Amino acid sequence: MFLGGWTSPFGDLIGPFDNPVINAVLPLFWFVGKVFCFLCLYVWVRGTLPRFRYDQLMNFGWRYLLPLAILNIVGTSLWLAYR
């Protein structure tokens, strides 16, 4: 997920300028801006999602995810067998 790196998200709408300093600084601005937006999104999502303890994750995995995975395997094999 590179988000275009140093390129403008608007394409050529904000085209090359006659000033070489602006042409050198503008890609740096886009890159830093994209990194800042991604970090803000990352911090926001991490701060709002609940944190589970290890024993809660293990309980959820054994109690719900394992039977769901087995049911998925059995259902897929039956669907392929009777197709």
PDB file of N, CA and C in Angstrom:
ATOM      1  N   MET A   1       0.848  -1.162   0.000  1.00  0.00           N
ATOM      2  CA  MET A   1       0.000   0.000   0.000  1.00  0.00           C
ATOM      3  C   MET A   1       0.902   1.236   0.000  1.00  0.00           C
ATOM      4  N   PHE A   2       1.196   1.720  -1.174  1.00  0.00           N
ATOM      5  CA  PHE A   2       2.111   2.845  -1.288  1.00  0.00           C
ATOM      6  C   PHE A   2       1.387   4.180  -1.441  1.00  0.00           C
ATOM      7  N   LEU A   3       0.121   4.172  -1.816  1.00  0.00           N
ATOM      8  CA  LEU A   3      -0.680   5.383  -2.007  1.00  0.00           C
ATOM      9  C   LEU A   3      -0.069   6.338  -3.025  1.00  0.00           C
ATOM     10  N   GLY A   4       0.690   5.835  -3.952  1.00  0.00           N
ATOM     11  CA  GLY A   4       1.253   6.666  -5.005  1.00  0.00           C
ATOM     12  C   GLY A   4       2.581   7.298  -4.670  1.00  0.00           C
ATOM     13  N   GLY A   5       3.081   7.116  -3.459  1.00  0.00           N
ATOM     14  CA  GLY A   5       4.388   7.656  -3.098  1.00  0.00           C
ATOM     15  C   GLY A   5       4.429   9.166  -3.146  1.00  0.00           C
ATOM     16  N   TRP A   6       5.318   9.709  -3.940  1.00  0.00           N
ATOM     17  CA  TRP A   6       5.530  11.148  -4.006  1.00  0.00           C
ATOM     18  C   TRP A   6       4.652  11.824  -5.046  1.00  0.00           C
ATOM     19  N   THR A   7       3.855  11.052  -5.803  1.00  0.00           N
ATOM     20  CA  THR A   7       3.052  11.657  -6.854  1.00  0.00           C
ATOM     21  C   THR A   7       1.802  12.312  -6.277  1.00  0.00           C
ATOM     22  N   SER A   8       1.261  13.240  -7.021  1.00  0.00           N
ATOM     23  CA  SER A   8       0.070  13.957  -6.588  1.00  0.00           C
ATOM     24  C   SER A   8      -1.150  13.055  -6.696  1.00  0.00           C
ATOM     25  N   PRO A   9      -2.071  13.100  -5.726  1.00  0.00           N
ATOM     26  CA  PRO A   9      -3.289  12.297  -5.850  1.00  0.00           C
ATOM     27  C   PRO A   9      -4.241  12.856  -6.908  1.00  0.00           C
ATOM     28  N   PHE A  10      -3.976  14.046  -7.406  1.00  0.00           N
ATOM     29  CA  PHE A  10      -4.834  14.677  -8.407  1.00  0.00           C
ATOM     30  C   PHE A  10      -4.298  14.510  -9.822  1.00  0.00           C
ATOM     31  N   GLY A  11      -3.239  13.765  -9.987  1.00  0.00           N
ATOM     32  CA  GLY A  11      -2.663  13.531 -11.308  1.00  0.00           C
ATOM     33  C   GLY A  11      -1.987  14.774 -11.848  1.00  0.00           C
ATOM     34  N   ASP A  12      -2.320  15.131 -13.068  1.00  0.00           N
ATOM     35  CA  ASP A  12      -1.698  16.285 -13.720  1.00  0.00           C
ATOM     36  C   ASP A  12      -2.498  17.569 -13.557  1.00  0.00           C
ATOM     37  N   LEU A  13      -3.520  17.565 -12.684  1.00  0.00           N
ATOM     38  CA  LEU A  13      -4.278  18.790 -12.472  1.00  0.00           C
ATOM     39  C   LEU A  13      -3.405  19.871 -11.842  1.00  0.00           C
ATOM     40  N   ILE A  14      -2.538  19.460 -10.927  1.00  0.00           N
ATOM     41  CA  ILE A  14      -1.553  20.381 -10.364  1.00  0.00           C
ATOM     42  C   ILE A  14      -0.242  20.039 -11.066  1.00  0.00           C
ATOM     43  N   GLY A  15      -0.055  20.629 -12.222  1.00  0.00           N
ATOM     44  CA  GLY A  15       1.026  20.245 -13.116  1.00  0.00           C
ATOM     45  C   GLY A  15       2.371  20.798 -12.713  1.00  0.00           C
ATOM     46  N   PRO A  16       3.368  20.540 -13.528  1.00  0.00           N
ATOM     47  CA  PRO A  16       4.709  21.062 -13.238  1.00  0.00           C
ATOM     48  C   PRO A  16       4.723  22.582 -13.348  1.00  0.00           C
ATOM     49  N   PHE A  17       5.442  23.204 -12.440  1.00  0.00           N
ATOM     50  CA  PHE A  17       5.552  24.660 -12.404  1.00  0.00           C
ATOM     51  C   PHE A  17       6.868  25.091 -13.027  1.00  0.00           C
ATOM     52  N   ASP A  18       6.976  26.382 -13.307  1.00  0.00           N
ATOM     53  CA  ASP A  18       8.213  26.918 -13.888  1.00  0.00           C
ATOM     54  C   ASP A  18       9.308  27.042 -12.848  1.00  0.00           C
ATOM     55  N   ASN A  19       8.932  27.089 -11.582  1.00  0.00           N
ATOM     56  CA  ASN A  19       9.903  27.258 -10.502  1.00  0.00           C
ATOM     57  C   ASN A  19      10.482  25.896 -10.114  1.00  0.00           C
ATOM     58  N   PRO A  20      11.794  25.684 -10.229  1.00  0.00           N
ATOM     59  CA  PRO A  20      12.365  24.374  -9.892  1.00  0.00           C
ATOM     60  C   PRO A  20      12.306  24.063  -8.402  1.00  0.00           C
ATOM     61  N   VAL A  21      12.252  25.084  -7.542  1.00  0.00           N
ATOM     62  CA  VAL A  21      12.157  24.837  -6.099  1.00  0.00           C
ATOM     63  C   VAL A  21      10.805  24.227  -5.759  1.00  0.00           C
ATOM     64  N   ILE A  22       9.749  24.765  -6.364  1.00  0.00           N
ATOM     65  CA  ILE A  22       8.409  24.195  -6.126  1.00  0.00           C
ATOM     66  C   ILE A  22       8.338  22.780  -6.676  1.00  0.00           C
ATOM     67  N   ASN A  23       8.933  22.537  -7.836  1.00  0.00           N
ATOM     68  CA  ASN A  23       8.932  21.188  -8.405  1.00  0.00           C
ATOM     69  C   ASN A  23       9.711  20.206  -7.544  1.00  0.00           C
ATOM     70  N   ALA A  24      10.668  20.680  -6.766  1.00  0.00           N
ATOM     71  CA  ALA A  24      11.441  19.797  -5.890  1.00  0.00           C
ATOM     72  C   ALA A  24      10.745  19.580  -4.556  1.00  0.00           C
ATOM     73  N   VAL A  25      10.020  20.592  -4.060  1.00  0.00           N
ATOM     74  CA  VAL A  25       9.404  20.510  -2.733  1.00  0.00           C
ATOM     75  C   VAL A  25       8.029  19.860  -2.791  1.00  0.00           C
ATOM     76  N   LEU A  26       7.317  20.020  -3.891  1.00  0.00           N
ATOM     77  CA  LEU A  26       5.957  19.499  -3.998  1.00  0.00           C
ATOM     78  C   LEU A  26       5.877  17.980  -3.815  1.00  0.00           C
ATOM     79  N   PRO A  27       6.749  17.153  -4.422  1.00  0.00           N
ATOM     80  CA  PRO A  27       6.686  15.713  -4.149  1.00  0.00           C
ATOM     81  C   PRO A  27       6.962  15.378  -2.678  1.00  0.00           C
ATOM     82  N   LEU A  28       7.836  16.116  -2.049  1.00  0.00           N
ATOM     83  CA  LEU A  28       8.093  15.891  -0.625  1.00  0.00           C
ATOM     84  C   LEU A  28       6.851  16.221   0.197  1.00  0.00           C
ATOM     85  N   PHE A  29       6.171  17.295  -0.162  1.00  0.00           N
ATOM     86  CA  PHE A  29       4.928  17.663   0.519  1.00  0.00           C
ATOM     87  C   PHE A  29       3.879  16.562   0.377  1.00  0.00           C
ATOM     88  N   TRP A  30       3.695  16.024  -0.835  1.00  0.00           N
ATOM     89  CA  TRP A  30       2.702  14.970  -1.041  1.00  0.00           C
ATOM     90  C   TRP A  30       3.047  13.722  -0.230  1.00  0.00           C
ATOM     91  N   PHE A  31       4.319  13.345  -0.229  1.00  0.00           N
ATOM     92  CA  PHE A  31       4.724  12.150   0.505  1.00  0.00           C
ATOM     93  C   PHE A  31       4.507  12.316   2.001  1.00  0.00           C
ATOM     94  N   VAL A  32       4.942  13.442   2.560  1.00  0.00           N
ATOM     95  CA  VAL A  32       4.776  13.679   3.996  1.00  0.00           C
ATOM     96  C   VAL A  32       3.295  13.781   4.345  1.00  0.00           C
ATOM     97  N   GLY A  33       2.512  14.401   3.490  1.00  0.00           N
ATOM     98  CA  GLY A  33       1.078  14.511   3.742  1.00  0.00           C
ATOM     99  C   GLY A  33       0.389  13.157   3.757  1.00  0.00           C
ATOM    100  N   LYS A  34       0.756  12.292   2.823  1.00  0.00           N
ATOM    101  CA  LYS A  34       0.158  10.954   2.779  1.00  0.00           C
ATOM    102  C   LYS A  34       0.578  10.122   3.986  1.00  0.00           C
ATOM    103  N   VAL A  35       1.832  10.224   4.389  1.00  0.00           N
ATOM    104  CA  VAL A  35       2.305   9.490   5.567  1.00  0.00           C
ATOM    105  C   VAL A  35       1.588   9.990   6.816  1.00  0.00           C
ATOM    106  N   PHE A  36       1.432  11.304   6.943  1.00  0.00           N
ATOM    107  CA  PHE A  36       0.747  11.873   8.100  1.00  0.00           C
ATOM    108  C   PHE A  36      -0.716  11.416   8.162  1.00  0.00           C
ATOM    109  N   CYS A  37      -1.407  11.416   7.023  1.00  0.00           N
ATOM    110  CA  CYS A  37      -2.805  10.956   6.999  1.00  0.00           C
ATOM    111  C   CYS A  37      -2.904   9.478   7.369  1.00  0.00           C
ATOM    112  N   PHE A  38      -1.983   8.659   6.855  1.00  0.00           N
ATOM    113  CA  PHE A  38      -2.012   7.241   7.184  1.00  0.00           C
ATOM    114  C   PHE A  38      -1.733   7.013   8.663  1.00  0.00           C
ATOM    115  N   LEU A  39      -0.782   7.743   9.240  1.00  0.00           N
ATOM    116  CA  LEU A  39      -0.482   7.578  10.662  1.00  0.00           C
ATOM    117  C   LEU A  39      -1.643   8.028  11.534  1.00  0.00           C
ATOM    118  N   CYS A  40      -2.303   9.111  11.154  1.00  0.00           N
ATOM    119  CA  CYS A  40      -3.478   9.553  11.914  1.00  0.00           C
ATOM    120  C   CYS A  40      -4.581   8.498  11.859  1.00  0.00           C
ATOM    121  N   LEU A  41      -4.817   7.929  10.671  1.00  0.00           N
ATOM    122  CA  LEU A  41      -5.821   6.875  10.544  1.00  0.00           C
ATOM    123  C   LEU A  41      -5.449   5.658  11.377  1.00  0.00           C
ATOM    124  N   TYR A  42      -4.171   5.286  11.364  1.00  0.00           N
ATOM    125  CA  TYR A  42      -3.701   4.127  12.123  1.00  0.00           C
ATOM    126  C   TYR A  42      -3.887   4.332  13.623  1.00  0.00           C
ATOM    127  N   VAL A  43      -3.512   5.501  14.114  1.00  0.00           N
ATOM    128  CA  VAL A  43      -3.651   5.792  15.543  1.00  0.00           C
ATOM    129  C   VAL A  43      -5.117   5.839  15.935  1.00  0.00           C
ATOM    130  N   TRP A  44      -5.957   6.403  15.086  1.00  0.00           N
ATOM    131  CA  TRP A  44      -7.382   6.499  15.375  1.00  0.00           C
ATOM    132  C   TRP A  44      -8.027   5.111  15.445  1.00  0.00           C
ATOM    133  N   VAL A  45      -7.735   4.247  14.474  1.00  0.00           N
ATOM    134  CA  VAL A  45      -8.314   2.901  14.465  1.00  0.00           C
ATOM    135  C   VAL A  45      -7.802   2.098  15.652  1.00  0.00           C
ATOM    136  N   ARG A  46      -6.519   2.207  15.941  1.00  0.00           N
ATOM    137  CA  ARG A  46      -5.969   1.458  17.072  1.00  0.00           C
ATOM    138  C   ARG A  46      -6.536   1.934  18.408  1.00  0.00           C
ATOM    139  N   GLY A  47      -6.825   3.209  18.514  1.00  0.00           N
ATOM    140  CA  GLY A  47      -7.375   3.744  19.758  1.00  0.00           C
ATOM    141  C   GLY A  47      -8.837   3.433  19.962  1.00  0.00           C
ATOM    142  N   THR A  48      -9.585   3.208  18.882  1.00  0.00           N
ATOM    143  CA  THR A  48     -11.016   2.994  19.032  1.00  0.00           C
ATOM    144  C   THR A  48     -11.415   1.524  19.073  1.00  0.00           C
ATOM    145  N   LEU A  49     -10.602   0.636  18.525  1.00  0.00           N
ATOM    146  CA  LEU A  49     -10.960  -0.782  18.556  1.00  0.00           C
ATOM    147  C   LEU A  49     -10.658  -1.372  19.929  1.00  0.00           C
ATOM    148  N   PRO A  50     -11.482  -2.326  20.352  1.00  0.00           N
ATOM    149  CA  PRO A  50     -11.235  -2.929  21.671  1.00  0.00           C
ATOM    150  C   PRO A  50      -9.997  -3.822  21.655  1.00  0.00           C
ATOM    151  N   ARG A  51      -9.376  -3.907  22.805  1.00  0.00           N
ATOM    152  CA  ARG A  51      -8.202  -4.770  22.951  1.00  0.00           C
ATOM    153  C   ARG A  51      -8.610  -6.011  23.750  1.00  0.00           C
ATOM    154  N   PHE A  52      -8.265  -7.153  23.203  1.00  0.00           N
ATOM    155  CA  PHE A  52      -8.604  -8.407  23.855  1.00  0.00           C
ATOM    156  C   PHE A  52      -7.380  -8.985  24.542  1.00  0.00           C
ATOM    157  N   ARG A  53      -7.617  -9.635  25.661  1.00  0.00           N
ATOM    158  CA  ARG A  53      -6.530 -10.347  26.320  1.00  0.00           C
ATOM    159  C   ARG A  53      -6.283 -11.655  25.575  1.00  0.00           C
ATOM    160  N   TYR A  54      -5.120 -12.263  25.859  1.00  0.00           N
ATOM    161  CA  TYR A  54      -4.736 -13.481  25.166  1.00  0.00           C
ATOM    162  C   TYR A  54      -5.732 -14.612  25.448  1.00  0.00           C
ATOM    163  N   ASP A  55      -6.186 -14.727  26.693  1.00  0.00           N
ATOM    164  CA  ASP A  55      -7.124 -15.807  27.020  1.00  0.00           C
ATOM    165  C   ASP A  55      -8.471 -15.589  26.329  1.00  0.00           C
ATOM    166  N   GLN A  56      -8.886 -14.338  26.130  1.00  0.00           N
ATOM    167  CA  GLN A  56     -10.133 -14.080  25.418  1.00  0.00           C
ATOM    168  C   GLN A  56     -10.004 -14.454  23.936  1.00  0.00           C
ATOM    169  N   LEU A  57      -8.858 -14.161  23.349  1.00  0.00           N
ATOM    170  CA  LEU A  57      -8.647 -14.532  21.954  1.00  0.00           C
ATOM    171  C   LEU A  57      -8.614 -16.046  21.768  1.00  0.00           C
ATOM    172  N   MET A  58      -7.955 -16.752  22.688  1.00  0.00           N
ATOM    173  CA  MET A  58      -7.901 -18.214  22.600  1.00  0.00           C
ATOM    174  C   MET A  58      -9.291 -18.812  22.780  1.00  0.00           C
ATOM    175  N   ASN A  59     -10.064 -18.286  23.707  1.00  0.00           N
ATOM    176  CA  ASN A  59     -11.423 -18.771  23.924  1.00  0.00           C
ATOM    177  C   ASN A  59     -12.285 -18.539  22.682  1.00  0.00           C
ATOM    178  N   PHE A  60     -12.162 -17.376  22.080  1.00  0.00           N
ATOM    179  CA  PHE A  60     -12.920 -17.076  20.867  1.00  0.00           C
ATOM    180  C   PHE A  60     -12.508 -18.001  19.720  1.00  0.00           C
ATOM    181  N   GLY A  61     -11.213 -18.255  19.594  1.00  0.00           N
ATOM    182  CA  GLY A  61     -10.736 -19.121  18.530  1.00  0.00           C
ATOM    183  C   GLY A  61     -11.204 -20.555  18.671  1.00  0.00           C
ATOM    184  N   TRP A  62     -11.091 -21.112  19.874  1.00  0.00           N
ATOM    185  CA  TRP A  62     -11.479 -22.497  20.084  1.00  0.00           C
ATOM    186  C   TRP A  62     -12.994 -22.676  20.091  1.00  0.00           C
ATOM    187  N   ARG A  63     -13.716 -21.726  20.630  1.00  0.00           N
ATOM    188  CA  ARG A  63     -15.156 -21.896  20.801  1.00  0.00           C
ATOM    189  C   ARG A  63     -15.945 -21.561  19.543  1.00  0.00           C
ATOM    190  N   TYR A  64     -15.505 -20.569  18.758  1.00  0.00           N
ATOM    191  CA  TYR A  64     -16.297 -20.113  17.625  1.00  0.00           C
ATOM    192  C   TYR A  64     -15.606 -20.317  16.274  1.00  0.00           C
ATOM    193  N   LEU A  65     -14.337 -19.963  16.183  1.00  0.00           N
ATOM    194  CA  LEU A  65     -13.679 -20.000  14.873  1.00  0.00           C
ATOM    195  C   LEU A  65     -13.356 -21.408  14.403  1.00  0.00           C
ATOM    196  N   LEU A  66     -12.911 -22.290  15.306  1.00  0.00           N
ATOM    197  CA  LEU A  66     -12.604 -23.659  14.904  1.00  0.00           C
ATOM    198  C   LEU A  66     -13.840 -24.410  14.422  1.00  0.00           C
ATOM    199  N   PRO A  67     -14.978 -24.379  15.149  1.00  0.00           N
ATOM    200  CA  PRO A  67     -16.171 -25.044  14.601  1.00  0.00           C
ATOM    201  C   PRO A  67     -16.656 -24.419  13.290  1.00  0.00           C
ATOM    202  N   LEU A  68     -16.514 -23.112  13.157  1.00  0.00           N
ATOM    203  CA  LEU A  68     -16.906 -22.462  11.910  1.00  0.00           C
ATOM    204  C   LEU A  68     -16.002 -22.915  10.760  1.00  0.00           C
ATOM    205  N   ALA A  69     -14.717 -23.072  11.009  1.00  0.00           N
ATOM    206  CA  ALA A  69     -13.794 -23.538   9.970  1.00  0.00           C
ATOM    207  C   ALA A  69     -14.101 -24.989   9.574  1.00  0.00           C
ATOM    208  N   ILE A  70     -14.393 -25.822  10.549  1.00  0.00           N
ATOM    209  CA  ILE A  70     -14.737 -27.215  10.242  1.00  0.00           C
ATOM    210  C   ILE A  70     -16.031 -27.282   9.459  1.00  0.00           C
ATOM    211  N   LEU A  71     -17.016 -26.477   9.855  1.00  0.00           N
ATOM    212  CA  LEU A  71     -18.282 -26.431   9.130  1.00  0.00           C
ATOM    213  C   LEU A  71     -18.067 -25.930   7.698  1.00  0.00           C
ATOM    214  N   ASN A  72     -17.182 -25.008   7.521  1.00  0.00           N
ATOM    215  CA  ASN A  72     -16.868 -24.498   6.186  1.00  0.00           C
ATOM    216  C   ASN A  72     -16.227 -25.588   5.327  1.00  0.00           C
ATOM    217  N   ILE A  73     -15.319 -26.358   5.888  1.00  0.00           N
ATOM    218  CA  ILE A  73     -14.674 -27.448   5.137  1.00  0.00           C
ATOM    219  C   ILE A  73     -15.685 -28.520   4.758  1.00  0.00           C
ATOM    220  N   VAL A  74     -16.534 -28.900   5.701  1.00  0.00           N
ATOM    221  CA  VAL A  74     -17.542 -29.933   5.423  1.00  0.00           C
ATOM    222  C   VAL A  74     -18.542 -29.426   4.384  1.00  0.00           C
ATOM    223  N   GLY A  75     -18.994 -28.191   4.536  1.00  0.00           N
ATOM    224  CA  GLY A  75     -19.955 -27.637   3.579  1.00  0.00           C
ATOM    225  C   GLY A  75     -19.368 -27.519   2.180  1.00  0.00           C
ATOM    226  N   THR A  76     -18.130 -27.099   2.084  1.00  0.00           N
ATOM    227  CA  THR A  76     -17.486 -26.980   0.777  1.00  0.00           C
ATOM    228  C   THR A  76     -17.285 -28.349   0.136  1.00  0.00           C
ATOM    229  N   SER A  77     -16.878 -29.333   0.927  1.00  0.00           N
ATOM    230  CA  SER A  77     -16.680 -30.677   0.366  1.00  0.00           C
ATOM    231  C   SER A  77     -18.007 -31.288  -0.076  1.00  0.00           C
ATOM    232  N   LEU A  78     -19.090 -31.065   0.678  1.00  0.00           N
ATOM    233  CA  LEU A  78     -20.394 -31.575   0.253  1.00  0.00           C
ATOM    234  C   LEU A  78     -20.869 -30.869  -1.014  1.00  0.00           C
ATOM    235  N   TRP A  79     -20.640 -29.594  -1.106  1.00  0.00           N
ATOM    236  CA  TRP A  79     -21.060 -28.843  -2.291  1.00  0.00           C
ATOM    237  C   TRP A  79     -20.286 -29.323  -3.517  1.00  0.00           C
ATOM    238  N   LEU A  80     -18.987 -29.583  -3.359  1.00  0.00           N
ATOM    239  CA  LEU A  80     -18.193 -30.077  -4.487  1.00  0.00           C
ATOM    240  C   LEU A  80     -18.549 -31.510  -4.838  1.00  0.00           C
ATOM    241  N   ALA A  81     -18.915 -32.311  -3.838  1.00  0.00           N
ATOM    242  CA  ALA A  81     -19.247 -33.712  -4.112  1.00  0.00           C
ATOM    243  C   ALA A  81     -20.583 -33.842  -4.835  1.00  0.00           C
ATOM    244  N   TYR A  82     -21.561 -33.011  -4.489  1.00  0.00           N
ATOM    245  CA  TYR A  82     -22.877 -33.136  -5.085  1.00  0.00           C
ATOM    246  C   TYR A  82     -23.116 -32.175  -6.245  1.00  0.00           C
ATOM    247  N   ARG A  83     -22.095 -31.469  -6.654  1.00  0.00           N
ATOM    248  CA  ARG A  83     -22.202 -30.547  -7.777  1.00  0.00           C
ATOM    249  C   ARG A  83     -22.102 -31.328  -9.038  1.00  0.00           C
TER     250      ARG A  83
END
